Protein backbone atom coordinates (compact mmCIF):
# COMPACT_ATOMS: atom_id res chain seq x y z
CA UNK A 1 9.64 168.89 73.93
CA UNK A 2 12.69 169.40 72.02
CA UNK A 3 12.66 168.30 68.42
CA UNK A 4 14.43 165.05 67.75
CA UNK A 5 16.24 163.52 64.57
CA UNK A 6 14.90 160.16 63.00
CA UNK A 7 17.75 158.50 64.57
CA UNK A 8 16.71 159.59 68.42
CA UNK A 9 19.45 162.10 68.91
CA UNK A 10 18.07 165.63 70.04
CA UNK A 11 18.52 168.02 67.11
CA UNK A 12 20.61 170.52 68.80
CA UNK A 13 22.81 167.78 70.23
CA UNK A 14 23.18 166.04 66.96
CA UNK A 15 24.22 169.13 65.22
CA UNK A 16 26.70 170.23 68.07
CA UNK A 17 28.27 166.91 67.84
CA UNK A 18 28.78 166.81 63.96
CA UNK A 19 30.19 170.18 64.54
CA UNK A 20 32.86 169.24 67.35
CA UNK A 21 33.81 166.13 65.12
CA UNK A 22 34.26 168.53 62.28
CA UNK A 23 36.40 170.65 64.18
CA UNK A 24 38.55 167.78 65.02
CA UNK A 25 39.03 166.91 61.31
CA UNK A 26 39.82 170.35 60.40
CA UNK A 27 42.54 170.65 63.38
CA UNK A 28 44.48 167.80 62.01
CA UNK A 29 43.61 165.85 65.33
CA UNK A 30 42.21 162.89 63.65
CA UNK A 31 44.31 160.52 61.21
CA UNK A 32 44.31 161.40 57.63
CA UNK A 33 45.40 159.47 54.42
CA UNK A 34 48.89 160.43 52.73
CA UNK A 35 50.55 159.38 49.75
CA UNK A 36 52.76 156.56 49.53
CA UNK A 37 56.05 157.29 48.04
CA UNK A 38 59.55 155.73 47.71
CA UNK A 39 62.45 157.20 49.12
CA UNK A 40 66.23 156.65 47.49
CA UNK A 41 69.52 157.19 49.17
CA UNK A 42 72.31 157.65 46.92
CA UNK A 43 76.16 156.60 47.99
CA UNK A 44 79.12 156.60 46.09
CA UNK A 45 81.72 153.67 47.22
CA UNK A 46 84.64 155.55 46.14
CA UNK A 47 85.65 158.81 47.34
CA UNK A 48 88.25 160.11 46.14
CA UNK A 49 88.00 158.45 42.68
CA UNK A 50 91.01 158.48 40.45
CA UNK A 51 90.65 159.53 36.63
CA UNK A 52 90.61 156.24 34.54
CA UNK A 53 89.04 154.20 37.20
CA UNK A 54 85.70 153.28 38.22
CA UNK A 55 83.10 154.98 40.15
CA UNK A 56 80.41 152.84 41.89
CA UNK A 57 77.24 154.13 42.71
CA UNK A 58 74.67 152.48 45.20
CA UNK A 59 70.89 153.29 45.44
CA UNK A 60 68.90 152.44 48.68
CA UNK A 61 65.29 152.29 48.12
CA UNK A 62 62.76 152.31 51.44
CA UNK A 63 59.27 152.27 51.66
CA UNK A 64 58.35 155.45 53.23
CA UNK A 65 54.29 154.49 53.22
CA UNK A 66 52.60 156.22 56.32
CA UNK A 67 50.89 153.79 58.46
CA UNK A 68 47.20 153.06 57.83
CA UNK A 69 44.85 155.16 59.46
CA UNK A 70 42.95 153.70 62.49
CA UNK A 71 39.37 152.53 61.11
CA UNK A 72 36.43 154.87 61.71
CA UNK A 73 34.69 154.50 65.44
CA UNK A 74 31.74 155.51 66.88
CA UNK A 75 32.03 158.88 69.03
CA UNK A 76 29.28 157.96 71.73
CA UNK A 77 30.77 159.08 74.85
CA UNK A 78 28.91 158.41 77.97
CA UNK A 79 26.64 161.09 79.70
CA UNK A 80 27.98 162.74 82.69
CA UNK A 81 26.53 165.23 85.34
CA UNK A 82 29.17 168.28 85.46
CA UNK A 83 29.11 171.12 87.90
CA UNK A 84 28.59 174.15 85.89
CA UNK A 85 28.08 177.97 86.75
CA UNK A 86 24.70 179.03 86.87
CA UNK A 87 23.14 181.03 83.58
CA UNK A 88 20.16 183.02 82.81
CA UNK A 89 17.74 180.82 80.80
CA UNK A 90 16.24 183.48 78.43
CA UNK A 91 15.53 181.93 75.10
CA UNK A 92 14.30 184.47 72.28
CA UNK A 93 10.71 183.92 71.26
CA UNK A 94 9.90 182.34 68.34
CA UNK A 95 6.99 181.33 66.16
CA UNK A 96 6.70 177.82 65.84
CA UNK A 97 3.90 175.76 64.10
CA UNK A 98 1.98 179.38 64.27
CA UNK A 99 2.20 179.19 68.12
CA UNK A 100 4.33 181.82 70.24
CA UNK A 101 6.72 179.80 72.26
CA UNK A 102 9.54 181.49 74.87
CA UNK A 103 7.38 184.80 74.58
CA UNK A 104 5.03 186.77 76.87
CA UNK A 105 2.32 186.01 75.22
CA UNK A 106 3.13 182.50 74.99
CA UNK A 107 0.20 180.37 73.34
CA UNK A 108 -1.00 183.11 71.28
CA UNK A 109 -1.19 182.46 67.36
CA UNK A 110 1.55 184.07 65.20
CA UNK A 111 2.65 184.52 61.86
CA UNK A 112 6.27 185.25 62.23
CA UNK A 113 8.65 185.67 65.45
CA UNK A 114 7.73 189.41 64.96
CA UNK A 115 4.60 188.49 66.56
CA UNK A 116 5.75 187.04 69.64
CA UNK A 117 6.53 189.49 72.35
CA UNK A 118 9.98 189.17 74.50
CA UNK A 119 9.69 187.99 77.83
CA UNK A 120 10.71 191.16 80.48
CA UNK A 121 13.15 188.70 82.05
CA UNK A 122 14.41 185.03 82.24
CA UNK A 123 14.92 182.67 85.20
CA UNK A 124 17.80 181.37 86.97
CA UNK A 125 18.45 177.69 86.06
CA UNK A 126 19.85 176.90 89.27
CA UNK A 127 21.79 177.97 92.47
CA UNK A 128 20.77 179.86 95.27
CA UNK A 129 18.27 182.27 92.95
CA UNK A 130 16.77 179.32 91.10
CA UNK A 131 13.58 180.12 89.38
CA UNK A 132 14.04 183.96 90.34
CA UNK A 133 13.97 186.53 87.40
CA UNK A 134 17.34 187.48 85.74
CA UNK A 135 18.14 190.14 82.64
CA UNK A 136 20.56 188.49 80.45
CA UNK A 137 21.04 187.05 77.11
CA UNK A 138 20.03 183.20 77.30
CA UNK A 139 22.87 180.92 78.55
CA UNK A 140 24.79 183.96 79.86
CA UNK A 141 26.32 184.44 83.25
CA UNK A 142 25.09 186.95 85.55
CA UNK A 143 25.46 188.21 89.09
CA UNK A 144 21.57 187.81 89.34
CA UNK A 145 22.30 184.10 89.36
CA UNK A 146 25.00 183.24 91.69
CA UNK A 147 26.41 179.71 92.46
CA UNK A 148 26.73 176.79 90.55
CA UNK A 149 24.21 174.01 89.24
CA UNK A 150 24.40 170.36 87.90
CA UNK A 151 23.44 169.75 84.50
CA UNK A 152 23.66 166.61 82.26
CA UNK A 153 26.50 166.51 79.44
CA UNK A 154 26.82 164.49 76.58
CA UNK A 155 23.32 162.99 77.31
CA UNK A 156 19.86 162.25 75.83
CA UNK A 157 18.28 164.68 78.33
CA UNK A 158 21.10 166.98 77.59
CA UNK A 159 21.05 170.10 80.05
CA UNK A 160 18.83 168.47 82.37
CA UNK A 161 19.55 169.01 86.32
CA UNK A 162 21.27 166.41 88.05
CA UNK A 163 21.86 167.12 91.66
CA UNK A 164 20.99 165.25 94.61
CA UNK A 165 20.78 166.27 97.92
CA UNK A 166 21.23 169.31 100.07
CA UNK A 167 23.74 170.60 99.53
CA UNK A 168 23.54 169.08 95.87
CA UNK A 169 25.78 166.53 94.77
CA UNK A 170 26.35 165.06 90.97
CA UNK A 171 24.13 161.83 90.15
CA UNK A 172 25.15 160.70 86.68
CA UNK A 173 22.47 158.26 87.07
CA UNK A 174 20.28 160.91 86.19
CA UNK A 175 21.75 161.59 82.65
CA UNK A 176 20.42 159.39 80.03
CA UNK A 177 23.12 157.90 77.75
CA UNK A 178 22.28 158.47 74.04
CA UNK A 179 20.93 155.76 72.07
CA UNK A 180 23.38 156.45 69.16
CA UNK A 181 26.28 158.23 68.21
CA UNK A 182 28.05 159.79 64.94
CA UNK A 183 31.02 158.22 63.21
CA UNK A 184 33.86 160.06 63.71
CA UNK A 185 35.56 159.63 60.17
CA UNK A 186 35.26 157.64 56.84
CA UNK A 187 32.48 158.26 54.08
CA UNK A 188 29.70 158.43 57.04
CA UNK A 189 31.48 160.74 59.13
CA UNK A 190 28.90 162.72 61.27
CA UNK A 191 26.14 160.18 60.53
CA UNK A 192 24.32 158.07 63.20
CA UNK A 193 26.07 155.00 64.44
CA UNK A 194 25.03 152.70 67.41
CA UNK A 195 28.37 151.37 68.89
CA UNK A 196 30.03 152.37 72.55
CA UNK A 197 32.26 155.15 72.43
CA UNK A 198 35.31 154.65 70.14
CA UNK A 199 34.45 151.03 68.67
CA UNK A 200 34.40 150.24 65.27
CA UNK A 201 31.06 149.38 63.78
CA UNK A 202 29.85 148.45 60.23
CA UNK A 203 27.81 151.81 60.52
CA UNK A 204 30.86 153.68 60.29
CA UNK A 205 33.05 151.90 57.27
CA UNK A 206 36.53 152.89 56.16
CA UNK A 207 37.18 155.12 53.19
CA UNK A 208 37.94 153.29 50.01
CA UNK A 209 40.84 151.19 49.89
CA UNK A 210 43.86 152.65 48.21
CA UNK A 211 44.67 152.21 44.74
CA UNK A 212 47.39 149.18 44.57
CA UNK A 213 51.20 150.03 44.52
CA UNK A 214 52.82 150.59 41.07
CA UNK A 215 56.23 149.81 40.27
CA UNK A 216 58.87 152.06 40.85
CA UNK A 217 61.07 153.80 38.36
CA UNK A 218 64.70 154.81 39.66
CA UNK A 219 66.57 157.23 37.38
CA UNK A 220 70.23 158.23 37.95
CA UNK A 221 71.89 160.82 35.38
CA UNK A 222 75.54 159.63 34.07
CA UNK A 223 77.92 162.60 34.93
CA UNK A 224 79.68 164.42 32.43
CA UNK A 225 83.34 162.93 32.07
CA UNK A 226 81.89 159.32 32.81
CA UNK A 227 80.78 156.25 30.79
CA UNK A 228 77.98 153.72 31.91
CA UNK A 229 79.57 150.62 32.38
CA UNK A 230 76.95 148.25 33.88
CA UNK A 231 73.93 148.17 36.39
CA UNK A 232 72.38 145.24 38.22
CA UNK A 233 68.38 144.62 38.72
CA UNK A 234 68.02 145.23 34.93
CA UNK A 235 69.41 148.90 34.80
CA UNK A 236 69.34 150.65 31.33
CA UNK A 237 71.63 153.27 29.99
CA UNK A 238 70.41 155.74 27.45
CA UNK A 239 73.65 157.89 27.26
CA UNK A 240 72.56 160.21 29.64
CA UNK A 241 70.68 158.65 32.53
CA UNK A 242 70.69 155.10 33.84
CA UNK A 243 66.79 153.68 34.72
CA UNK A 244 65.87 150.93 36.79
CA UNK A 245 61.90 149.55 36.90
CA UNK A 246 61.59 147.55 40.08
CA UNK A 247 58.73 145.95 41.63
CA UNK A 248 56.57 147.99 44.52
CA UNK A 249 57.99 147.69 48.04
CA UNK A 250 56.88 146.17 50.87
CA UNK A 251 57.53 147.91 54.25
CA UNK A 252 61.43 147.17 54.20
CA UNK A 253 64.37 147.72 56.38
CA UNK A 254 62.69 147.26 59.95
CA UNK A 255 63.12 143.90 61.51
CA UNK A 256 61.33 141.49 60.89
CA UNK A 257 60.74 143.00 57.08
CA UNK A 258 63.34 142.11 54.47
CA UNK A 259 66.14 144.89 54.24
CA UNK A 260 65.27 147.28 51.60
CA UNK A 261 66.65 146.79 47.81
CA UNK A 262 70.12 148.30 46.58
CA UNK A 263 70.32 149.24 42.93
CA UNK A 264 74.29 149.41 41.81
CA UNK A 265 75.84 150.59 38.77
CA UNK A 266 79.48 151.21 37.69
CA UNK A 267 81.13 154.32 35.70
CA UNK A 268 84.16 154.58 34.09
CA UNK A 269 85.85 157.96 35.21
CA UNK A 270 87.58 159.46 32.16
CA UNK A 271 91.37 160.00 32.36
CA UNK A 272 91.26 163.52 31.40
CA UNK A 273 88.83 164.35 34.39
CA UNK A 274 90.35 167.43 35.91
CA UNK A 275 91.97 166.60 39.31
CA UNK A 276 90.68 168.19 42.48
CA UNK A 277 87.23 168.86 41.00
CA UNK A 278 84.07 166.99 42.02
CA UNK A 279 81.53 164.65 40.40
CA UNK A 280 77.95 165.59 41.90
CA UNK A 281 74.94 163.44 41.27
CA UNK A 282 71.28 163.00 42.74
CA UNK A 283 68.85 160.07 42.12
CA UNK A 284 64.79 160.16 41.47
CA UNK A 285 62.38 157.38 42.59
CA UNK A 286 59.15 158.16 40.94
CA UNK A 287 55.99 155.49 41.59
CA UNK A 288 52.23 156.33 41.27
CA UNK A 289 51.94 158.74 44.00
CA UNK A 290 55.07 161.08 42.87
CA UNK A 291 58.50 161.59 42.62
CA UNK A 292 61.36 161.84 45.57
CA UNK A 293 64.66 163.13 44.90
CA UNK A 294 68.00 161.47 46.86
CA UNK A 295 70.46 163.43 48.61
CA UNK A 296 73.27 164.89 46.60
CA UNK A 297 76.50 163.33 46.52
CA UNK A 298 79.79 164.77 45.50
CA UNK A 299 83.09 162.67 44.78
CA UNK A 300 86.20 164.10 44.59
CA UNK A 301 88.27 163.50 41.70
CA UNK A 302 92.14 162.54 42.47
CA UNK A 303 94.23 160.74 44.76
CA UNK A 304 93.55 162.44 48.43
CA UNK A 305 90.21 163.38 49.81
CA UNK A 306 89.13 164.34 53.28
CA UNK A 307 92.58 164.68 55.15
CA UNK A 308 93.87 165.73 58.52
CA UNK A 309 97.28 166.12 59.42
CA UNK A 310 98.27 167.63 62.92
CA UNK A 311 101.83 168.58 64.44
CA UNK A 312 101.52 169.17 68.02
CA UNK A 313 104.39 170.65 69.97
CA UNK A 314 103.12 170.67 74.00
CA UNK A 315 106.42 170.33 75.40
CA UNK A 316 109.80 168.46 74.71
CA UNK A 317 109.32 164.48 74.43
CA UNK A 318 105.69 165.22 74.16
CA UNK A 319 105.34 165.97 70.49
CA UNK A 320 102.80 164.06 68.24
CA UNK A 321 102.07 163.60 64.75
CA UNK A 322 98.48 162.57 63.51
CA UNK A 323 97.66 162.01 59.90
CA UNK A 324 94.33 160.72 58.39
CA UNK A 325 93.57 160.40 54.49
CA UNK A 326 91.18 158.76 52.11
CA UNK A 327 92.96 157.90 48.66
CA UNK A 328 93.04 156.02 45.65
CA UNK A 329 95.17 154.24 43.54
CA UNK A 330 95.96 155.00 39.85
CA UNK A 331 94.70 152.68 37.24
CA UNK A 332 96.12 149.10 37.32
CA UNK A 333 97.97 149.86 40.66
CA UNK A 334 97.48 147.46 43.47
CA UNK A 335 98.99 147.22 47.17
CA UNK A 336 99.15 144.63 49.87
CA UNK A 337 99.63 146.07 53.18
CA UNK A 338 100.45 142.97 55.55
CA UNK A 339 103.29 142.00 52.80
CA UNK A 340 105.02 145.18 51.72
CA UNK A 341 107.22 147.96 53.60
CA UNK A 342 105.78 151.13 54.85
CA UNK A 343 107.42 154.41 54.78
CA UNK A 344 106.28 157.94 56.22
CA UNK A 345 107.43 161.46 55.70
CA UNK A 346 106.47 165.30 56.51
CA UNK A 347 108.95 167.54 55.01
CA UNK A 348 109.32 171.37 53.61
CA UNK A 349 112.10 173.36 52.35
CA UNK A 350 112.69 175.36 54.99
CA UNK A 351 113.66 171.99 57.43
CA UNK A 352 113.70 169.18 55.06
CA UNK A 353 112.53 165.73 56.58
CA UNK A 354 111.33 166.18 60.14
CA UNK A 355 108.69 163.39 60.30
CA UNK A 356 109.94 160.20 59.36
CA UNK A 357 108.71 156.82 59.95
CA UNK A 358 109.63 153.14 58.41
CA UNK A 359 108.42 149.74 58.81
CA UNK A 360 109.74 146.64 57.36
CA UNK A 361 107.29 144.13 55.05
CA UNK A 362 105.06 142.04 57.47
CA UNK A 363 104.67 145.05 60.16
CA UNK A 364 100.82 145.32 59.20
CA UNK A 365 98.86 142.90 60.35
CA UNK A 366 95.69 141.65 58.74
CA UNK A 367 93.31 139.29 60.56
CA UNK A 368 90.73 138.41 57.67
CA UNK A 369 89.29 142.05 57.63
CA UNK A 370 89.49 145.18 55.47
CA UNK A 371 92.08 146.47 57.76
CA UNK A 372 95.70 145.93 58.37
CA UNK A 373 97.43 147.57 61.13
CA UNK A 374 100.32 148.21 63.29
CA UNK A 375 100.39 149.23 67.08
CA UNK A 376 103.26 149.95 69.19
CA UNK A 377 103.65 151.74 72.54
CA UNK A 378 105.30 155.26 72.61
CA UNK A 379 107.81 156.86 72.06
CA UNK A 380 107.58 156.65 68.12
CA UNK A 381 105.12 155.27 65.61
CA UNK A 382 102.11 154.14 67.88
CA UNK A 383 99.46 153.55 64.90
CA UNK A 384 99.30 152.77 61.13
CA UNK A 385 96.19 151.53 59.74
CA UNK A 386 95.09 150.95 56.46
CA UNK A 387 91.37 150.18 55.42
CA UNK A 388 90.10 149.21 51.99
CA UNK A 389 87.03 150.75 51.31
CA UNK A 390 86.79 149.66 47.72
CA UNK A 391 88.60 148.08 45.07
CA UNK A 392 90.99 151.17 44.45
CA UNK A 393 89.95 153.36 47.57
CA UNK A 394 91.68 153.25 50.95
CA UNK A 395 91.64 154.76 54.30
CA UNK A 396 94.99 155.45 56.23
CA UNK A 397 95.72 156.51 59.56
CA UNK A 398 99.18 157.31 61.18
CA UNK A 399 99.83 158.20 64.77
CA UNK A 400 103.03 159.06 66.71
CA UNK A 401 103.69 160.07 70.18
CA UNK A 402 106.24 161.26 72.72
CA UNK A 403 108.36 162.84 69.88
CA UNK A 404 110.81 165.81 69.64
CA UNK A 405 110.09 167.02 66.13
CA UNK A 406 111.45 170.06 64.63
CA UNK A 407 108.73 172.60 63.78
CA UNK A 408 108.05 173.48 60.00
CA UNK A 409 109.85 176.89 60.63
CA UNK A 410 108.56 179.82 58.70
CA UNK A 411 107.43 177.93 55.72
CA UNK A 412 103.91 176.13 56.17
CA UNK A 413 103.80 174.45 53.06
CA UNK A 414 104.68 170.85 53.53
CA UNK A 415 104.90 167.55 51.63
CA UNK A 416 103.48 164.24 52.86
CA UNK A 417 104.71 161.22 51.46
CA UNK A 418 103.50 157.69 51.76
CA UNK A 419 105.25 154.71 50.56
CA UNK A 420 103.23 151.20 50.11
CA UNK A 421 105.71 148.90 48.64
CA UNK A 422 106.83 149.95 45.32
CA UNK A 423 103.54 152.81 45.41
CA UNK A 424 104.19 156.41 46.30
CA UNK A 425 101.84 158.69 47.29
CA UNK A 426 102.56 162.69 47.53
CA UNK A 427 100.52 165.51 48.99
CA UNK A 428 101.22 168.96 49.33
CA UNK A 429 99.43 170.74 52.34
CA UNK A 430 99.41 173.97 53.61
CA UNK A 431 99.37 174.30 57.66
CA UNK A 432 97.74 176.62 59.75
CA UNK A 433 99.59 177.71 63.01
CA UNK A 434 97.39 177.36 66.13
CA UNK A 435 97.78 177.70 69.41
CA UNK A 436 100.70 180.29 69.39
CA UNK A 437 102.90 177.71 67.46
CA UNK A 438 101.99 174.95 69.60
CA UNK A 439 99.83 173.00 67.08
CA UNK A 440 100.29 172.99 63.19
CA UNK A 441 97.02 171.76 61.18
CA UNK A 442 95.91 171.17 57.79
CA UNK A 443 92.39 170.08 56.82
CA UNK A 444 91.23 169.18 53.22
CA UNK A 445 87.94 167.78 51.93
């Protein structure tokens, strides 16, 4: 009779089951615990930002706590009768409690395995040659044992024959379910449990609860050439960094949970800050499980950023102009697009002014949003759109179609002049000739 553990499971079966569950854990197929962290996301509301004006940073905090792993369950799948190839049953002789077993001298007294003589042959454990001799290691396939047989798997009577009839068919009723299984996770992993397969049970308690979440410390450096103005939610400056300490997050940002909190700070950009350079920054968030860095944000200092100018010359009376840019106003300057005249020009030394559009005050309409716009059908100016992104920061889009334009000539240096009321914005660009002079384009980041 096979040796059994105290829980009633055959010793070999209990060992194999524990080893199988261990391989699952080592292979990463079962859930494992992970640290809870806070993800900061940094954004600059003004880009570009003019020297002498305010740069606003916002930090959004997101809870990236991984979902809790499922509770441990009892691994105790039902027994089944499986058709398997016939193998040679030929266990090695052994001395058990002073008596030889699986030996040519079965039943004789022994002091060690060496006193037990090997049998000259094993026996086929099923198939056409069931019970006939075979010369192979225990459990090995051999041509001496052709065919297949039916054996119990994951059963109390593991390995027992379970075929019925002639020719034999599988009969799962001959395979006995195990009275107990083993825990698949938790502090009692691999220990016995009495529950159906995959069911939680007090025999398999979960791991110790994680420690309660801690407060979050958020740090944003103050870039050189800027001065701290203020911060919300208790943010404090030491002259080098702005620091917030906020309570732990719940699972925020996904309905029906509340939105993730946003921290805001304002910095004054020096009037002496070099134009057409960048302010680069990165925030960090630290909780009880570690520190996570935000994305890196670069803000251009000056009047213009993210600019596109295209002059297209497909054919006569089909030429077009596209201009898009983000711009900032000088300190103290203001614009009121719906109530101010608009004027747009593109010129160079070789051609003088070769794009020129003007609109009287009241042409750009605002319907209570951040955008004021003008629309018309071609030919001529078809779109002018001015959108306020921040108090001193705007996006401008200009489009014109079905034109007959002079090309820039040999001089690809152009000047774009935009007038909004009494505010004049001038931008110098260098065009690149594309499509054999049928398109000219300038892109500035």
